[in-house]
N, C-alpha and C. Protein backbone atom coordinates (compact mmCIF):
# COMPACT_ATOMS: atom_id res chain seq x y z
N MET A 1 40.31 1.92 -16.33
CA MET A 1 39.76 0.71 -16.91
C MET A 1 38.38 1.05 -17.46
N ALA A 2 38.08 0.61 -18.64
CA ALA A 2 36.80 0.88 -19.28
C ALA A 2 35.71 -0.03 -18.71
N ASN A 3 34.49 0.47 -18.66
CA ASN A 3 33.34 -0.34 -18.25
C ASN A 3 32.80 -1.09 -19.46
N TYR A 4 32.51 -2.35 -19.28
CA TYR A 4 31.99 -3.20 -20.35
C TYR A 4 30.64 -2.67 -20.85
N LYS A 5 30.53 -2.46 -22.13
CA LYS A 5 29.31 -1.99 -22.80
C LYS A 5 28.76 -0.69 -22.20
N GLU A 6 29.63 0.20 -21.81
CA GLU A 6 29.19 1.48 -21.25
C GLU A 6 28.53 2.32 -22.32
N THR A 7 27.39 2.92 -21.96
CA THR A 7 26.69 3.83 -22.86
C THR A 7 26.19 5.02 -22.05
N THR A 8 25.84 6.05 -22.75
CA THR A 8 25.19 7.20 -22.13
C THR A 8 23.72 7.15 -22.54
N ALA A 9 22.84 7.31 -21.56
CA ALA A 9 21.41 7.20 -21.84
C ALA A 9 20.65 8.27 -21.09
N GLU A 10 19.55 8.69 -21.66
CA GLU A 10 18.65 9.62 -21.00
C GLU A 10 17.46 8.85 -20.46
N GLY A 11 16.88 9.35 -19.39
CA GLY A 11 15.73 8.67 -18.82
C GLY A 11 14.97 9.58 -17.87
N THR A 12 14.10 8.97 -17.11
CA THR A 12 13.26 9.68 -16.15
C THR A 12 13.37 8.98 -14.80
N THR A 13 13.43 9.77 -13.73
CA THR A 13 13.46 9.19 -12.38
C THR A 13 12.44 9.92 -11.51
N TRP A 14 11.93 9.19 -10.52
CA TRP A 14 11.03 9.80 -9.53
C TRP A 14 11.01 8.95 -8.28
N ARG A 15 10.53 9.54 -7.19
CA ARG A 15 10.37 8.82 -5.93
C ARG A 15 8.88 8.64 -5.67
N ARG A 16 8.54 7.47 -5.11
CA ARG A 16 7.13 7.16 -4.86
C ARG A 16 7.01 6.34 -3.59
N SER A 17 5.81 6.31 -3.04
CA SER A 17 5.51 5.41 -1.93
C SER A 17 5.04 4.10 -2.54
N LYS A 18 5.78 3.03 -2.27
CA LYS A 18 5.42 1.73 -2.86
C LYS A 18 4.57 0.89 -1.92
N GLN A 19 4.54 1.25 -0.66
CA GLN A 19 3.77 0.48 0.32
C GLN A 19 3.41 1.39 1.48
N VAL A 20 2.19 1.21 1.99
CA VAL A 20 1.73 1.96 3.16
C VAL A 20 1.35 0.94 4.23
N VAL A 21 1.90 1.11 5.43
CA VAL A 21 1.60 0.22 6.55
C VAL A 21 0.93 1.06 7.64
N ILE A 22 -0.24 0.61 8.07
CA ILE A 22 -0.94 1.27 9.17
C ILE A 22 -0.99 0.27 10.31
N ASN A 23 -0.32 0.58 11.40
CA ASN A 23 -0.34 -0.29 12.57
C ASN A 23 -1.64 -0.03 13.33
N ASN A 24 -2.57 -0.96 13.20
CA ASN A 24 -3.91 -0.77 13.75
C ASN A 24 -4.11 -1.64 15.00
N ASP A 25 -3.13 -1.61 15.89
CA ASP A 25 -3.25 -2.40 17.12
C ASP A 25 -4.45 -1.91 17.93
N LEU A 26 -5.21 -2.86 18.45
CA LEU A 26 -6.41 -2.55 19.21
C LEU A 26 -6.05 -1.75 20.46
N GLY A 27 -6.73 -0.63 20.63
CA GLY A 27 -6.53 0.19 21.82
C GLY A 27 -5.32 1.10 21.77
N THR A 28 -4.59 1.10 20.66
CA THR A 28 -3.40 1.93 20.54
C THR A 28 -3.73 3.24 19.85
N THR A 29 -3.37 4.34 20.50
CA THR A 29 -3.52 5.66 19.91
C THR A 29 -2.30 6.47 20.31
N PRO A 30 -1.65 7.18 19.43
CA PRO A 30 -1.95 7.28 18.00
C PRO A 30 -1.41 6.07 17.23
N LYS A 31 -1.98 5.84 16.07
CA LYS A 31 -1.58 4.72 15.22
C LYS A 31 -0.52 5.21 14.23
N PRO A 32 0.65 4.57 14.20
CA PRO A 32 1.67 5.00 13.24
C PRO A 32 1.31 4.57 11.81
N ILE A 33 1.58 5.46 10.86
CA ILE A 33 1.41 5.20 9.44
C ILE A 33 2.80 5.29 8.82
N ILE A 34 3.22 4.24 8.15
CA ILE A 34 4.57 4.19 7.58
C ILE A 34 4.47 4.10 6.06
N PHE A 35 5.15 5.00 5.37
CA PHE A 35 5.21 5.01 3.92
C PHE A 35 6.58 4.49 3.50
N MET A 36 6.62 3.34 2.83
CA MET A 36 7.87 2.79 2.31
C MET A 36 8.11 3.41 0.93
N GLU A 37 9.30 4.00 0.74
CA GLU A 37 9.59 4.71 -0.50
C GLU A 37 10.55 3.94 -1.39
N GLU A 38 10.44 4.25 -2.68
CA GLU A 38 11.39 3.72 -3.66
C GLU A 38 11.66 4.78 -4.71
N ASP A 39 12.84 4.71 -5.30
CA ASP A 39 13.15 5.52 -6.48
C ASP A 39 12.92 4.64 -7.69
N VAL A 40 12.34 5.22 -8.72
CA VAL A 40 12.11 4.52 -9.98
C VAL A 40 12.89 5.26 -11.05
N ALA A 41 13.60 4.50 -11.88
CA ALA A 41 14.33 5.07 -13.00
C ALA A 41 13.94 4.30 -14.26
N VAL A 42 13.55 5.04 -15.29
CA VAL A 42 13.23 4.43 -16.58
C VAL A 42 14.24 4.96 -17.58
N ILE A 43 15.02 4.02 -18.12
CA ILE A 43 16.03 4.35 -19.12
C ILE A 43 15.74 3.47 -20.33
N GLY A 44 15.34 4.11 -21.42
CA GLY A 44 14.93 3.34 -22.59
C GLY A 44 13.71 2.52 -22.24
N THR A 45 13.81 1.21 -22.45
CA THR A 45 12.69 0.32 -22.11
C THR A 45 12.90 -0.38 -20.77
N ASN A 46 13.96 -0.03 -20.06
CA ASN A 46 14.27 -0.67 -18.78
C ASN A 46 13.78 0.18 -17.62
N GLU A 47 13.20 -0.50 -16.61
CA GLU A 47 12.71 0.17 -15.41
C GLU A 47 13.43 -0.40 -14.21
N PHE A 48 13.98 0.48 -13.37
CA PHE A 48 14.75 0.07 -12.21
C PHE A 48 14.11 0.63 -10.94
N HIS A 49 14.04 -0.20 -9.88
CA HIS A 49 13.44 0.21 -8.60
C HIS A 49 14.49 0.06 -7.50
N THR A 50 14.64 1.10 -6.69
CA THR A 50 15.59 1.09 -5.58
C THR A 50 14.88 1.51 -4.30
N ASN A 51 14.89 0.65 -3.29
CA ASN A 51 14.29 1.00 -2.00
C ASN A 51 15.00 2.19 -1.40
N ARG A 52 14.24 3.11 -0.78
CA ARG A 52 14.82 4.32 -0.22
C ARG A 52 14.42 4.57 1.21
N GLY A 53 13.95 3.57 1.91
CA GLY A 53 13.62 3.76 3.32
C GLY A 53 12.17 4.14 3.51
N SER A 54 11.92 4.89 4.59
CA SER A 54 10.53 5.18 4.93
C SER A 54 10.40 6.55 5.57
N ILE A 55 9.18 7.05 5.54
CA ILE A 55 8.80 8.22 6.32
C ILE A 55 7.52 7.83 7.06
N SER A 56 7.22 8.52 8.14
CA SER A 56 6.06 8.11 8.92
C SER A 56 5.28 9.32 9.43
N ALA A 57 4.06 9.04 9.81
CA ALA A 57 3.17 10.03 10.42
C ALA A 57 2.37 9.31 11.48
N LEU A 58 1.79 10.06 12.38
CA LEU A 58 0.89 9.49 13.38
C LEU A 58 -0.54 9.83 13.00
N TYR A 59 -1.40 8.83 13.05
CA TYR A 59 -2.81 9.02 12.72
C TYR A 59 -3.44 9.94 13.73
N ASN A 60 -4.07 11.00 13.23
CA ASN A 60 -4.82 11.94 14.05
C ASN A 60 -6.16 12.15 13.33
N PRO A 61 -7.25 11.59 13.85
CA PRO A 61 -8.52 11.62 13.12
C PRO A 61 -9.00 13.03 12.77
N ASP A 62 -8.63 14.02 13.55
CA ASP A 62 -9.10 15.38 13.30
C ASP A 62 -8.16 16.20 12.42
N GLU A 63 -6.96 15.68 12.14
CA GLU A 63 -6.01 16.43 11.32
C GLU A 63 -6.45 16.41 9.87
N LEU A 64 -6.27 17.56 9.21
CA LEU A 64 -6.70 17.69 7.82
C LEU A 64 -5.59 17.30 6.85
N ILE A 65 -6.01 16.71 5.73
CA ILE A 65 -5.12 16.37 4.62
C ILE A 65 -5.49 17.31 3.47
N ASN A 66 -4.50 17.99 2.92
CA ASN A 66 -4.73 18.84 1.76
C ASN A 66 -4.60 17.95 0.53
N LEU A 67 -5.72 17.60 -0.11
CA LEU A 67 -5.72 16.64 -1.21
C LEU A 67 -4.99 17.21 -2.42
N ARG A 68 -4.32 16.30 -3.14
CA ARG A 68 -3.54 16.68 -4.32
C ARG A 68 -4.05 15.97 -5.56
N ASP A 69 -3.88 16.61 -6.68
CA ASP A 69 -4.22 16.02 -7.97
C ASP A 69 -3.19 14.93 -8.28
N PRO A 70 -3.63 13.68 -8.48
CA PRO A 70 -2.68 12.60 -8.73
C PRO A 70 -1.87 12.77 -10.02
N GLU A 71 -2.39 13.51 -10.97
CA GLU A 71 -1.67 13.72 -12.24
C GLU A 71 -0.58 14.77 -12.13
N THR A 72 -0.83 15.83 -11.33
CA THR A 72 0.10 16.96 -11.28
C THR A 72 0.82 17.10 -9.95
N GLY A 73 0.26 16.51 -8.89
CA GLY A 73 0.83 16.70 -7.55
C GLY A 73 0.45 18.03 -6.93
N GLU A 74 -0.29 18.85 -7.65
CA GLU A 74 -0.70 20.16 -7.14
C GLU A 74 -1.80 20.02 -6.11
N LYS A 75 -1.77 20.88 -5.09
CA LYS A 75 -2.84 20.90 -4.08
C LYS A 75 -4.13 21.37 -4.73
N THR A 76 -5.23 20.67 -4.41
CA THR A 76 -6.52 20.99 -5.01
C THR A 76 -7.30 22.03 -4.22
N GLY A 77 -6.90 22.26 -2.98
CA GLY A 77 -7.65 23.16 -2.12
C GLY A 77 -8.76 22.44 -1.36
N VAL A 78 -8.97 21.17 -1.66
CA VAL A 78 -9.97 20.37 -0.96
C VAL A 78 -9.29 19.74 0.26
N MET A 79 -9.93 19.89 1.41
CA MET A 79 -9.39 19.33 2.65
C MET A 79 -10.25 18.15 3.09
N MET A 80 -9.62 17.17 3.74
CA MET A 80 -10.33 15.99 4.23
C MET A 80 -9.68 15.57 5.54
N LYS A 81 -10.51 15.18 6.50
CA LYS A 81 -9.97 14.69 7.76
C LYS A 81 -9.35 13.31 7.59
N GLN A 82 -8.30 13.03 8.36
CA GLN A 82 -7.69 11.71 8.34
C GLN A 82 -8.71 10.63 8.71
N SER A 83 -9.71 10.97 9.51
CA SER A 83 -10.73 9.99 9.89
C SER A 83 -11.48 9.45 8.68
N MET A 84 -11.58 10.23 7.60
CA MET A 84 -12.26 9.76 6.39
C MET A 84 -11.44 8.68 5.68
N VAL A 85 -10.11 8.78 5.76
CA VAL A 85 -9.25 7.73 5.20
C VAL A 85 -9.45 6.45 5.99
N TYR A 86 -9.49 6.58 7.31
CA TYR A 86 -9.72 5.42 8.18
C TYR A 86 -11.07 4.78 7.86
N LEU A 87 -12.11 5.61 7.69
CA LEU A 87 -13.45 5.13 7.36
C LEU A 87 -13.44 4.37 6.03
N ALA A 88 -12.76 4.92 5.03
CA ALA A 88 -12.71 4.27 3.72
C ALA A 88 -11.98 2.93 3.80
N LEU A 89 -10.85 2.88 4.50
CA LEU A 89 -10.10 1.63 4.61
C LEU A 89 -10.85 0.59 5.44
N TYR A 90 -11.51 1.03 6.49
CA TYR A 90 -12.33 0.13 7.30
C TYR A 90 -13.43 -0.48 6.45
N SER A 91 -14.10 0.35 5.65
CA SER A 91 -15.18 -0.11 4.79
C SER A 91 -14.66 -1.06 3.71
N LEU A 92 -13.51 -0.74 3.13
CA LEU A 92 -12.91 -1.62 2.12
C LEU A 92 -12.57 -2.97 2.73
N TYR A 93 -12.00 -2.97 3.94
CA TYR A 93 -11.68 -4.23 4.61
C TYR A 93 -12.93 -5.08 4.80
N LEU A 94 -14.01 -4.48 5.32
CA LEU A 94 -15.24 -5.25 5.55
C LEU A 94 -15.83 -5.77 4.24
N ASP A 95 -15.80 -4.97 3.18
CA ASP A 95 -16.28 -5.44 1.88
C ASP A 95 -15.47 -6.65 1.41
N CYS A 96 -14.14 -6.56 1.52
CA CYS A 96 -13.27 -7.68 1.11
C CYS A 96 -13.52 -8.92 1.96
N ALA A 97 -13.67 -8.73 3.27
CA ALA A 97 -13.90 -9.86 4.17
C ALA A 97 -15.24 -10.54 3.87
N GLU A 98 -16.27 -9.75 3.59
CA GLU A 98 -17.57 -10.33 3.26
C GLU A 98 -17.52 -11.12 1.96
N ILE A 99 -16.83 -10.59 0.95
CA ILE A 99 -16.68 -11.31 -0.32
C ILE A 99 -15.94 -12.62 -0.10
N ARG A 100 -14.85 -12.56 0.67
CA ARG A 100 -14.09 -13.78 0.99
C ARG A 100 -14.98 -14.79 1.70
N ASP A 101 -15.74 -14.35 2.67
CA ASP A 101 -16.59 -15.26 3.43
C ASP A 101 -17.66 -15.91 2.55
N ILE A 102 -18.23 -15.13 1.64
CA ILE A 102 -19.22 -15.69 0.71
C ILE A 102 -18.56 -16.73 -0.19
N GLU A 103 -17.37 -16.43 -0.71
CA GLU A 103 -16.67 -17.37 -1.58
C GLU A 103 -16.32 -18.65 -0.83
N GLN A 104 -15.94 -18.53 0.44
CA GLN A 104 -15.58 -19.71 1.22
C GLN A 104 -16.79 -20.57 1.52
N THR A 105 -17.96 -19.98 1.66
CA THR A 105 -19.15 -20.79 1.93
C THR A 105 -19.62 -21.50 0.68
N ASP A 106 -19.14 -21.09 -0.49
CA ASP A 106 -19.50 -21.76 -1.73
C ASP A 106 -18.68 -23.02 -1.97
N LEU A 107 -17.68 -23.28 -1.12
CA LEU A 107 -16.86 -24.48 -1.28
C LEU A 107 -17.67 -25.71 -0.89
N PRO A 108 -17.45 -26.80 -1.60
CA PRO A 108 -18.17 -28.03 -1.22
C PRO A 108 -17.65 -28.54 0.13
N PRO A 109 -18.47 -29.21 0.90
CA PRO A 109 -18.01 -29.73 2.19
C PRO A 109 -16.96 -30.82 1.98
N PRO A 110 -16.04 -30.99 2.94
CA PRO A 110 -15.03 -32.03 2.82
C PRO A 110 -15.68 -33.40 2.71
N GLN A 111 -15.03 -34.30 1.97
CA GLN A 111 -15.54 -35.65 1.77
C GLN A 111 -14.80 -36.64 2.65
N GLY A 112 -15.47 -37.64 3.13
CA GLY A 112 -14.84 -38.70 3.89
C GLY A 112 -14.65 -38.35 5.35
N ASP A 113 -13.97 -39.24 6.07
CA ASP A 113 -13.71 -39.07 7.49
C ASP A 113 -12.41 -38.30 7.66
N LEU A 114 -12.49 -37.09 8.16
CA LEU A 114 -11.30 -36.24 8.31
C LEU A 114 -10.76 -36.26 9.74
N THR A 115 -11.33 -37.03 10.61
CA THR A 115 -10.94 -36.98 12.03
C THR A 115 -9.52 -37.42 12.27
N ASN A 116 -8.96 -38.31 11.46
CA ASN A 116 -7.60 -38.80 11.68
C ASN A 116 -6.61 -38.26 10.66
N GLN A 117 -6.99 -37.28 9.86
CA GLN A 117 -6.08 -36.72 8.86
C GLN A 117 -5.36 -35.52 9.44
N ALA A 118 -4.06 -35.41 9.11
CA ALA A 118 -3.26 -34.27 9.57
C ALA A 118 -3.65 -33.03 8.76
N LEU A 119 -3.65 -31.90 9.42
CA LEU A 119 -3.90 -30.64 8.73
C LEU A 119 -2.63 -30.19 8.04
N THR A 120 -2.77 -29.67 6.84
CA THR A 120 -1.60 -29.15 6.13
C THR A 120 -1.82 -27.72 5.75
């Protein structure tokens, strides 16, 4: 049986990490790091994404990461401790939280008597 509108097409495919989850439970060591993967296929002007599961690592602050060039994937020879990634993410979180807190304090105070109103 023939497939409806079947064509042959050329394209490009690759696998990527689409999401990174770091379980940062207080007092838990080691902290699991989970990379959620997907395959991407581009055929003509169409882009398709397929979930492919996950891979994981355990956070070790003293373990070295061999940094790679994002354009080529080649190792750069530059090494960095995992603790520096933690430091960068911690700092980013605090920066975002401070910006949020400043924006929330710029809101006008509620008007009227709110004591008998339901929260939504």
